[in-house]
């Protein structure tokens, strides 16, 4: 999900002191997220799309060690010259690597050894930060944004892993949350978006990944976005009215996926023993809150729901055009380690936040912007080579570190994937 120099932009870089403080803060959050885990918890892998927590912790350290310390710090020696093979993700230019579906077989190195690796990389980075900030500050910025992406992945991968355990264990005790007493979903209100010629993409005002550029203009016919996310209560109606059994609502590939996989509800839902529904969370199984945003749905499910609701998915350009005037650090996002989950939205505001809670599927294919160019070298593999067969999501989620996203941010997943905190906001033509 993202590159360097031209691919990333940070027009005015932070001071070495500020960069060191940000580096230490972000790196500390990763370790806080993993603090409740045993070595076994951190080693297991629930499916090929997910990675063990231990691997996430090591991989982001490999990124700094490889692209910053190895390439920019004279005399640096690798912590262990066998580990790049283990912790390279998909960088072909960096050579062969351990197969992704087999990361859960890496019982060694241990979690303790991985944490020692992180400490060694951190010591080298912070000691050399004055020189590194001047020589490759943009690259360090990329590495920190990359680590924030893996913080979210670590949480969602853990949730999927623990949901596979028949005991339904909790990573953290349940936190107090705002729950609604409403029996019916709040009616949707429609907010008209800007139409005509609008500017889309990174304007060069801070950090951005290469897939957000170059800035360009698109024409938007009149449209409106729903003032709230689709909720669990909305989804219960979709289920009750045969949404998963009505072929006419589904794209052909989506209907084939529903039939093949036996899909009948969002991921991490189950019927409770005493009736009703439960939802798996990072605090184990919890009663379903009908007013909270629905999460863990695929693009196929989002598109079928929109058809059932007489609406459609927004395009990424529509969503971005509306979001440009909002604070991207608003809404429910990750502030500290804990049992993150989508929360009931505070409705009734003139401009309810578009950001946070769940990533919002759009109807836009993940493709390059006009005149997009990937950077040369290994770091240029970050985004461009994935621009096929995936769809764009916008807005961040409850597991996205606050301050990480912006209106132009483009997340992307394959249409059948739903282990992330993925939901939707409806759109319609005017």
Protein backbone atom coordinates (compact mmCIF):
# COMPACT_ATOMS: atom_id res chain seq x y z
CA UNK A 1 0.00 0.00 0.00
CA UNK A 2 2.50 2.64 -1.01
CA UNK A 3 7.22 5.04 -2.41
CA UNK A 4 10.43 7.44 -2.24
CA UNK A 5 11.75 10.69 -3.49
CA UNK A 6 9.26 11.46 -6.23
CA UNK A 7 6.84 8.77 -5.04
CA UNK A 8 6.59 10.23 -1.55
CA UNK A 9 6.58 13.89 -0.71
CA UNK A 10 7.42 15.80 2.38
CA UNK A 11 8.13 19.29 1.09
CA UNK A 12 9.62 20.66 4.28
CA UNK A 13 11.16 17.90 6.31
CA UNK A 14 10.99 17.87 10.12
CA UNK A 15 14.05 18.62 12.22
CA UNK A 16 16.21 15.64 13.25
CA UNK A 17 14.88 16.02 16.80
CA UNK A 18 11.26 16.01 15.69
CA UNK A 19 11.86 13.06 13.36
CA UNK A 20 13.56 11.12 16.16
CA UNK A 21 10.63 11.77 18.49
CA UNK A 22 8.12 10.65 15.87
CA UNK A 23 10.21 7.58 15.09
CA UNK A 24 10.36 6.58 18.77
CA UNK A 25 6.61 7.18 19.27
CA UNK A 26 5.52 5.09 16.29
CA UNK A 27 7.93 2.28 17.03
CA UNK A 28 6.75 2.17 20.65
CA UNK A 29 3.12 1.79 19.58
CA UNK A 30 3.96 -1.32 17.55
CA UNK A 31 5.47 -2.96 20.59
CA UNK A 32 2.57 -1.89 22.80
CA UNK A 33 0.18 -3.61 20.37
CA UNK A 34 2.16 -6.82 20.72
CA UNK A 35 2.69 -6.56 24.49
CA UNK A 36 -0.23 -8.88 25.49
CA UNK A 37 0.98 -11.69 23.21
CA UNK A 38 2.78 -14.88 24.05
CA UNK A 39 5.43 -16.23 21.71
CA UNK A 40 2.82 -18.69 20.39
CA UNK A 41 0.28 -15.89 19.81
CA UNK A 42 2.88 -13.90 17.90
CA UNK A 43 4.00 -16.83 15.75
CA UNK A 44 0.72 -18.27 14.45
CA UNK A 45 -0.72 -17.37 11.02
CA UNK A 46 -4.45 -17.86 10.39
CA UNK A 47 -4.48 -17.64 6.58
CA UNK A 48 -2.19 -16.67 3.67
CA UNK A 49 -3.53 -13.09 3.57
CA UNK A 50 -2.52 -12.54 7.20
CA UNK A 51 0.91 -12.53 8.82
CA UNK A 52 2.08 -13.41 12.35
CA UNK A 53 2.48 -10.47 14.74
CA UNK A 54 6.14 -11.42 15.15
CA UNK A 55 6.65 -11.16 11.39
CA UNK A 56 5.06 -7.68 11.27
CA UNK A 57 7.39 -6.48 14.04
CA UNK A 58 10.43 -7.86 12.23
CA UNK A 59 9.46 -6.82 8.71
CA UNK A 60 9.10 -3.12 9.51
CA UNK A 61 12.50 -3.28 11.21
CA UNK A 62 13.94 -5.00 8.13
CA UNK A 63 12.63 -2.06 6.08
CA UNK A 64 14.57 0.47 8.17
CA UNK A 65 17.65 -1.74 8.38
CA UNK A 66 17.71 -2.42 4.63
CA UNK A 67 16.68 0.82 2.97
CA UNK A 68 18.01 3.27 5.56
CA UNK A 69 20.82 1.79 7.66
CA UNK A 70 22.37 -0.56 5.09
CA UNK A 71 22.13 1.91 2.22
CA UNK A 72 22.84 5.21 4.00
CA UNK A 73 24.91 4.56 7.13
CA UNK A 74 28.55 3.83 6.27
CA UNK A 75 29.95 0.82 8.09
CA UNK A 76 26.59 -0.55 9.25
CA UNK A 77 26.51 -4.33 9.65
CA UNK A 78 23.29 -6.33 9.51
CA UNK A 79 21.91 -7.62 12.80
CA UNK A 80 21.74 -11.12 11.25
CA UNK A 81 22.55 -11.60 7.58
CA UNK A 82 20.14 -14.58 7.40
CA UNK A 83 17.07 -12.54 8.37
CA UNK A 84 16.49 -10.50 5.18
CA UNK A 85 15.35 -13.76 3.55
CA UNK A 86 12.80 -14.21 6.34
CA UNK A 87 11.42 -10.69 6.56
CA UNK A 88 11.46 -9.28 3.03
CA UNK A 89 7.82 -9.08 1.95
CA UNK A 90 7.54 -8.68 -1.83
CA UNK A 91 10.57 -6.69 -3.00
CA UNK A 92 11.87 -8.64 -5.97
CA UNK A 93 14.89 -6.34 -6.24
CA UNK A 94 15.96 -7.48 -2.76
CA UNK A 95 16.18 -11.10 -3.82
CA UNK A 96 14.48 -14.36 -2.77
CA UNK A 97 12.36 -14.54 0.36
CA UNK A 98 10.39 -16.88 2.56
CA UNK A 99 6.99 -17.76 1.08
CA UNK A 100 4.17 -15.61 2.48
CA UNK A 101 1.75 -18.49 3.23
CA UNK A 102 4.47 -20.14 5.34
CA UNK A 103 5.33 -17.26 7.65
CA UNK A 104 3.53 -19.04 10.48
CA UNK A 105 6.16 -21.82 10.32
CA UNK A 106 8.87 -19.45 11.55
CA UNK A 107 8.96 -20.63 15.15
CA UNK A 108 12.47 -19.19 15.26
CA UNK A 109 13.59 -16.47 15.75
CA UNK A 110 11.52 -16.09 18.88
CA UNK A 111 9.46 -13.05 19.79
CA UNK A 112 12.15 -12.12 22.30
CA UNK A 113 14.81 -12.21 19.56
CA UNK A 114 12.65 -10.12 17.25
CA UNK A 115 12.23 -7.51 19.96
CA UNK A 116 16.02 -7.50 20.44
CA UNK A 117 16.34 -6.95 16.68
CA UNK A 118 13.97 -3.98 16.89
CA UNK A 119 15.98 -2.53 19.77
CA UNK A 120 19.22 -2.82 17.82
CA UNK A 121 17.73 -1.17 14.73
CA UNK A 122 16.21 1.59 16.87
CA UNK A 123 19.52 2.29 18.61
CA UNK A 124 21.33 2.60 15.28
CA UNK A 125 18.59 4.76 13.76
CA UNK A 126 18.35 7.17 16.69
CA UNK A 127 22.11 7.43 17.11
CA UNK A 128 22.56 8.38 13.44
CA UNK A 129 19.34 10.39 13.08
CA UNK A 130 21.01 13.81 12.64
CA UNK A 131 22.86 12.54 9.59
CA UNK A 132 20.08 10.26 8.34
CA UNK A 133 17.43 12.99 8.57
CA UNK A 134 19.46 15.15 6.20
CA UNK A 135 20.49 12.35 3.87
CA UNK A 136 17.24 10.36 3.59
CA UNK A 137 14.55 12.03 5.69
CA UNK A 138 11.84 11.32 3.10
CA UNK A 139 12.72 7.65 3.14
CA UNK A 140 12.45 7.54 6.93
CA UNK A 141 9.04 9.21 6.60
CA UNK A 142 8.01 6.47 4.21
CA UNK A 143 9.23 3.83 6.65
CA UNK A 144 7.19 5.34 9.48
CA UNK A 145 4.03 5.46 7.38
CA UNK A 146 4.78 1.89 6.32
CA UNK A 147 5.02 0.87 9.99
CA UNK A 148 1.67 2.52 10.71
CA UNK A 149 0.10 0.42 7.95
CA UNK A 150 1.52 -2.69 9.60
CA UNK A 151 0.15 -1.62 12.98
CA UNK A 152 -3.33 -1.83 11.50
CA UNK A 153 -2.54 -5.13 9.80
CA UNK A 154 -1.16 -6.50 13.07
CA UNK A 155 -4.47 -5.76 14.79
CA UNK A 156 -6.69 -7.20 12.06
CA UNK A 157 -4.49 -10.25 11.63
CA UNK A 158 -4.63 -10.87 15.39
CA UNK A 159 -8.40 -10.52 15.37
CA UNK A 160 -8.69 -13.06 12.56
CA UNK A 161 -6.29 -15.43 14.34
CA UNK A 162 -8.10 -15.30 17.67
CA UNK A 163 -11.48 -15.67 15.96
CA UNK A 164 -10.26 -19.03 14.63
CA UNK A 165 -9.85 -20.31 18.20
CA UNK A 166 -12.99 -22.14 19.46
CA UNK A 167 -12.40 -20.59 22.90
CA UNK A 168 -12.89 -17.08 21.46
CA UNK A 169 -10.03 -15.61 23.51
CA UNK A 170 -9.55 -11.88 24.06
CA UNK A 171 -6.39 -9.95 23.30
CA UNK A 172 -7.51 -7.16 25.66
CA UNK A 173 -10.37 -6.93 28.19
CA UNK A 174 -13.46 -5.24 26.81
CA UNK A 175 -13.42 -1.45 27.02
CA UNK A 176 -16.50 0.64 27.83
CA UNK A 177 -18.18 1.70 24.59
CA UNK A 178 -21.09 3.88 23.60
CA UNK A 179 -23.94 1.51 22.78
CA UNK A 180 -27.27 2.52 21.30
CA UNK A 181 -30.64 1.54 22.70
CA UNK A 182 -32.34 2.17 19.35
CA UNK A 183 -34.28 -0.71 17.83
CA UNK A 184 -34.20 0.70 14.30
CA UNK A 185 -31.38 2.27 12.28
CA UNK A 186 -31.34 6.05 12.04
CA UNK A 187 -32.76 7.21 8.68
CA UNK A 188 -30.14 8.24 6.15
CA UNK A 189 -29.83 11.89 5.23
CA UNK A 190 -28.17 12.78 1.93
CA UNK A 191 -25.45 15.41 1.62
CA UNK A 192 -24.90 16.84 -1.82
CA UNK A 193 -21.26 16.78 -2.90
CA UNK A 194 -19.33 19.16 -5.14
CA UNK A 195 -19.96 18.64 -8.84
CA UNK A 196 -18.32 19.85 -12.01
CA UNK A 197 -14.54 20.00 -12.40
CA UNK A 198 -12.75 19.07 -9.15
CA UNK A 199 -9.12 18.45 -8.21
CA UNK A 200 -8.14 14.97 -7.06
CA UNK A 201 -4.89 13.65 -5.61
CA UNK A 202 -2.01 14.84 -3.46
CA UNK A 203 -1.38 18.58 -3.64
CA UNK A 204 2.12 18.32 -2.24
CA UNK A 205 1.31 19.76 1.17
CA UNK A 206 2.88 16.94 3.21
CA UNK A 207 3.65 13.25 3.08
CA UNK A 208 1.89 11.25 0.39
CA UNK A 209 2.35 7.85 -1.21
CA UNK A 210 3.08 7.67 -4.91
CA UNK A 211 -0.36 6.22 -5.74
CA UNK A 212 -1.96 9.50 -4.61
CA UNK A 213 -0.23 11.45 -7.38
CA UNK A 214 -0.07 13.32 -9.61
CA UNK A 215 -2.84 15.77 -8.79
CA UNK A 216 -5.34 15.99 -11.64
CA UNK A 217 -8.85 17.18 -12.46
CA UNK A 218 -11.98 15.07 -12.96
CA UNK A 219 -15.56 15.99 -13.79
CA UNK A 220 -18.22 14.88 -11.29
CA UNK A 221 -21.92 14.82 -12.19
CA UNK A 222 -24.25 15.87 -9.34
CA UNK A 223 -24.25 13.30 -6.51
CA UNK A 224 -24.88 12.87 -2.81
CA UNK A 225 -23.29 10.84 -0.03
CA UNK A 226 -25.12 9.36 2.94
CA UNK A 227 -24.53 11.26 6.16
CA UNK A 228 -23.69 8.05 8.00
CA UNK A 229 -22.10 4.67 7.51
CA UNK A 230 -24.20 1.56 6.96
CA UNK A 231 -24.83 -0.02 10.36
CA UNK A 232 -25.22 -3.52 11.75
CA UNK A 233 -28.94 -2.81 12.03
CA UNK A 234 -29.11 -1.99 8.33
CA UNK A 235 -27.29 -5.22 7.60
CA UNK A 236 -29.68 -7.30 9.70
CA UNK A 237 -32.50 -6.03 7.48
CA UNK A 238 -30.50 -6.98 4.40
CA UNK A 239 -30.09 -10.50 5.78
CA UNK A 240 -33.74 -10.78 6.86
CA UNK A 241 -34.95 -9.74 3.41
CA UNK A 242 -32.86 -12.41 1.70
CA UNK A 243 -29.94 -10.30 0.59
CA UNK A 244 -27.55 -13.24 0.56
CA UNK A 245 -30.03 -15.41 -1.32
CA UNK A 246 -31.07 -13.00 -4.09
CA UNK A 247 -28.83 -13.49 -7.10
CA UNK A 248 -30.12 -10.35 -8.84
CA UNK A 249 -28.44 -8.13 -6.26
CA UNK A 250 -24.97 -9.51 -6.87
CA UNK A 251 -22.24 -9.14 -9.43
CA UNK A 252 -21.61 -12.45 -11.15
CA UNK A 253 -18.24 -12.95 -9.46
CA UNK A 254 -19.77 -11.96 -6.13
CA UNK A 255 -22.65 -14.41 -6.45
CA UNK A 256 -20.19 -17.18 -7.34
CA UNK A 257 -18.15 -16.24 -4.25
CA UNK A 258 -21.24 -16.33 -1.99
CA UNK A 259 -22.20 -19.77 -3.30
CA UNK A 260 -18.70 -21.19 -3.21
CA UNK A 261 -17.83 -19.92 0.29
CA UNK A 262 -21.29 -20.25 1.85
CA UNK A 263 -21.29 -16.59 2.90
CA UNK A 264 -24.44 -15.54 4.79
CA UNK A 265 -23.26 -12.70 7.06
CA UNK A 266 -20.27 -10.40 7.58
CA UNK A 267 -17.04 -11.99 8.75
CA UNK A 268 -16.81 -12.49 12.55
CA UNK A 269 -20.61 -12.73 13.00
CA UNK A 270 -22.44 -15.72 14.47
CA UNK A 271 -25.87 -16.44 15.86
CA UNK A 272 -25.95 -16.37 19.66
CA UNK A 273 -27.13 -19.38 21.66
CA UNK A 274 -30.08 -17.40 23.04
CA UNK A 275 -31.03 -15.79 19.74
CA UNK A 276 -29.79 -12.68 18.08
CA UNK A 277 -26.24 -12.17 16.83
CA UNK A 278 -22.77 -11.92 18.29
CA UNK A 279 -19.66 -10.38 16.78
CA UNK A 280 -16.07 -11.36 17.46
CA UNK A 281 -13.86 -8.54 18.67
CA UNK A 282 -10.37 -8.09 20.07
CA UNK A 283 -12.10 -8.64 23.44
CA UNK A 284 -13.67 -11.93 22.35
CA UNK A 285 -17.32 -12.53 21.43
CA UNK A 286 -19.62 -9.59 22.19
CA UNK A 287 -23.33 -8.86 21.55
CA UNK A 288 -23.89 -7.16 18.21
CA UNK A 289 -24.60 -3.44 18.55
CA UNK A 290 -27.10 -2.64 15.81
CA UNK A 291 -26.18 1.06 15.75
CA UNK A 292 -22.45 0.54 15.21
CA UNK A 293 -21.08 0.60 11.65
CA UNK A 294 -21.01 -2.77 9.93
CA UNK A 295 -17.46 -4.06 9.40
CA UNK A 296 -15.64 -6.95 7.78
CA UNK A 297 -17.60 -6.99 4.55
CA UNK A 298 -16.21 -7.60 1.07
CA UNK A 299 -16.57 -5.36 -1.96
CA UNK A 300 -19.03 -7.91 -3.30
CA UNK A 301 -21.19 -7.59 -0.18
CA UNK A 302 -20.98 -3.80 -0.20
CA UNK A 303 -22.05 -3.64 -3.84
CA UNK A 304 -24.94 -6.07 -3.29
CA UNK A 305 -26.14 -4.09 -0.26
CA UNK A 306 -26.05 -0.86 -2.26
CA UNK A 307 -28.18 -2.48 -4.97
CA UNK A 308 -30.64 -3.73 -2.34
CA UNK A 309 -30.82 -0.22 -0.82
CA UNK A 310 -31.54 1.42 -4.17
CA UNK A 311 -28.25 3.28 -4.09
CA UNK A 312 -24.68 2.67 -5.19
CA UNK A 313 -21.09 2.80 -3.94
CA UNK A 314 -19.41 6.19 -4.22
CA UNK A 315 -16.50 6.63 -6.58
CA UNK A 316 -13.19 7.39 -4.91
CA UNK A 317 -13.25 10.82 -6.59
CA UNK A 318 -16.66 11.65 -5.12
CA UNK A 319 -15.58 10.57 -1.65
CA UNK A 320 -12.34 12.56 -1.84
CA UNK A 321 -14.06 15.68 -3.14
CA UNK A 322 -16.35 15.70 -0.10
CA UNK A 323 -13.59 14.77 2.37
CA UNK A 324 -11.19 17.55 1.36
CA UNK A 325 -12.88 20.03 3.68
CA UNK A 326 -12.85 17.68 6.68
CA UNK A 327 -10.23 16.95 9.32
CA UNK A 328 -8.58 13.63 8.41
CA UNK A 329 -7.60 13.13 12.05
CA UNK A 330 -11.25 13.15 13.12
CA UNK A 331 -13.52 10.22 13.85
CA UNK A 332 -12.75 6.91 15.52
CA UNK A 333 -9.10 6.02 14.85
CA UNK A 334 -6.25 4.32 16.71
CA UNK A 335 -4.70 6.35 19.54
CA UNK A 336 -3.26 3.65 21.80
CA UNK A 337 -3.00 -0.11 22.13
CA UNK A 338 -6.31 -1.68 23.04
CA UNK A 339 -9.46 -3.45 21.80
CA UNK A 340 -10.30 -1.16 18.89
CA UNK A 341 -13.75 -1.56 17.33
CA UNK A 342 -16.16 0.53 15.24
CA UNK A 343 -18.16 2.84 17.48
CA UNK A 344 -21.67 4.31 17.23
CA UNK A 345 -21.45 7.52 15.21
CA UNK A 346 -22.44 10.87 16.68
CA UNK A 347 -25.14 11.84 14.19
CA UNK A 348 -27.03 15.05 13.82
CA UNK A 349 -23.93 17.17 13.15
CA UNK A 350 -23.95 19.50 10.17
CA UNK A 351 -20.95 17.65 8.72
CA UNK A 352 -20.54 14.22 10.35
CA UNK A 353 -16.95 12.94 10.08
CA UNK A 354 -16.15 10.94 6.97
CA UNK A 355 -12.95 9.56 8.47
CA UNK A 356 -12.45 6.64 10.86
CA UNK A 357 -14.47 3.68 12.15
CA UNK A 358 -14.29 1.55 8.97
CA UNK A 359 -12.57 1.70 5.60
CA UNK A 360 -15.23 2.57 3.04
CA UNK A 361 -15.44 0.59 -0.18
CA UNK A 362 -15.73 2.65 -3.33
CA UNK A 363 -16.79 1.49 -6.78
CA UNK A 364 -13.43 2.56 -8.21
CA UNK A 365 -10.86 0.10 -9.48
CA UNK A 366 -7.37 0.58 -8.09
CA UNK A 367 -5.56 1.91 -11.13
CA UNK A 368 -2.83 4.55 -11.63
CA UNK A 369 -3.66 8.20 -11.99
CA UNK A 370 -2.86 9.88 -15.32
CA UNK A 371 0.93 10.26 -15.76
CA UNK A 372 1.70 8.08 -12.72
CA UNK A 373 5.31 6.91 -12.57
CA UNK A 374 6.74 4.46 -10.06
CA UNK A 375 10.16 5.26 -8.61
CA UNK A 376 13.22 3.34 -9.77
CA UNK A 377 14.66 0.62 -7.58
CA UNK A 378 13.24 -1.65 -4.91
CA UNK A 379 11.17 0.98 -3.08
CA UNK A 380 9.30 1.66 -6.31
CA UNK A 381 7.67 -1.75 -5.88
CA UNK A 382 5.61 -0.42 -2.97
CA UNK A 383 2.44 0.40 -4.92
CA UNK A 384 2.47 0.38 -8.68
CA UNK A 385 2.72 -3.35 -9.26
CA UNK A 386 -0.50 -3.97 -7.33
CA UNK A 387 -2.70 -1.84 -9.60
CA UNK A 388 -4.70 -4.74 -10.99
CA UNK A 389 -7.89 -6.45 -9.86
CA UNK A 390 -8.35 -4.47 -6.63
CA UNK A 391 -10.73 -1.75 -5.44
CA UNK A 392 -10.07 1.50 -3.60
CA UNK A 393 -11.18 2.13 -0.01
CA UNK A 394 -11.16 5.52 1.68
CA UNK A 395 -11.24 7.10 5.11
CA UNK A 396 -9.30 4.93 7.55
CA UNK A 397 -10.70 2.79 10.35
CA UNK A 398 -10.74 2.32 14.10
CA UNK A 399 -7.41 0.49 13.68
CA UNK A 400 -5.73 3.17 11.56
CA UNK A 401 -3.23 5.25 13.57
CA UNK A 402 -4.61 8.75 13.94
CA UNK A 403 -2.82 11.19 11.66
CA UNK A 404 -1.94 8.52 9.09
CA UNK A 405 -4.69 9.09 6.50
CA UNK A 406 -5.82 12.06 4.41
CA UNK A 407 -8.50 12.71 1.80
CA UNK A 408 -6.25 11.59 -1.06
CA UNK A 409 -5.18 8.35 0.70
CA UNK A 410 -5.90 5.23 -1.40
CA UNK A 411 -6.17 1.91 0.40
CA UNK A 412 -6.87 -1.13 -1.77
CA UNK A 413 -7.90 -4.75 -1.46
CA UNK A 414 -9.22 -7.55 -3.62
CA UNK A 415 -13.03 -7.70 -3.86
CA UNK A 416 -13.39 -10.90 -1.81
CA UNK A 417 -11.20 -9.76 1.10
CA UNK A 418 -12.90 -8.70 4.33
CA UNK A 419 -10.66 -9.39 7.32
CA UNK A 420 -9.88 -5.67 7.52
CA UNK A 421 -12.29 -3.19 9.16
CA UNK A 422 -14.11 -2.64 5.87
CA UNK A 423 -17.59 -1.12 5.61
CA UNK A 424 -19.48 1.27 3.37
CA UNK A 425 -21.21 4.60 2.92
CA UNK A 426 -23.90 4.82 0.25
CA UNK A 427 -24.02 7.29 -2.64
CA UNK A 428 -26.63 8.21 -5.20
CA UNK A 429 -26.98 10.31 -8.34
CA UNK A 430 -28.84 13.60 -8.23
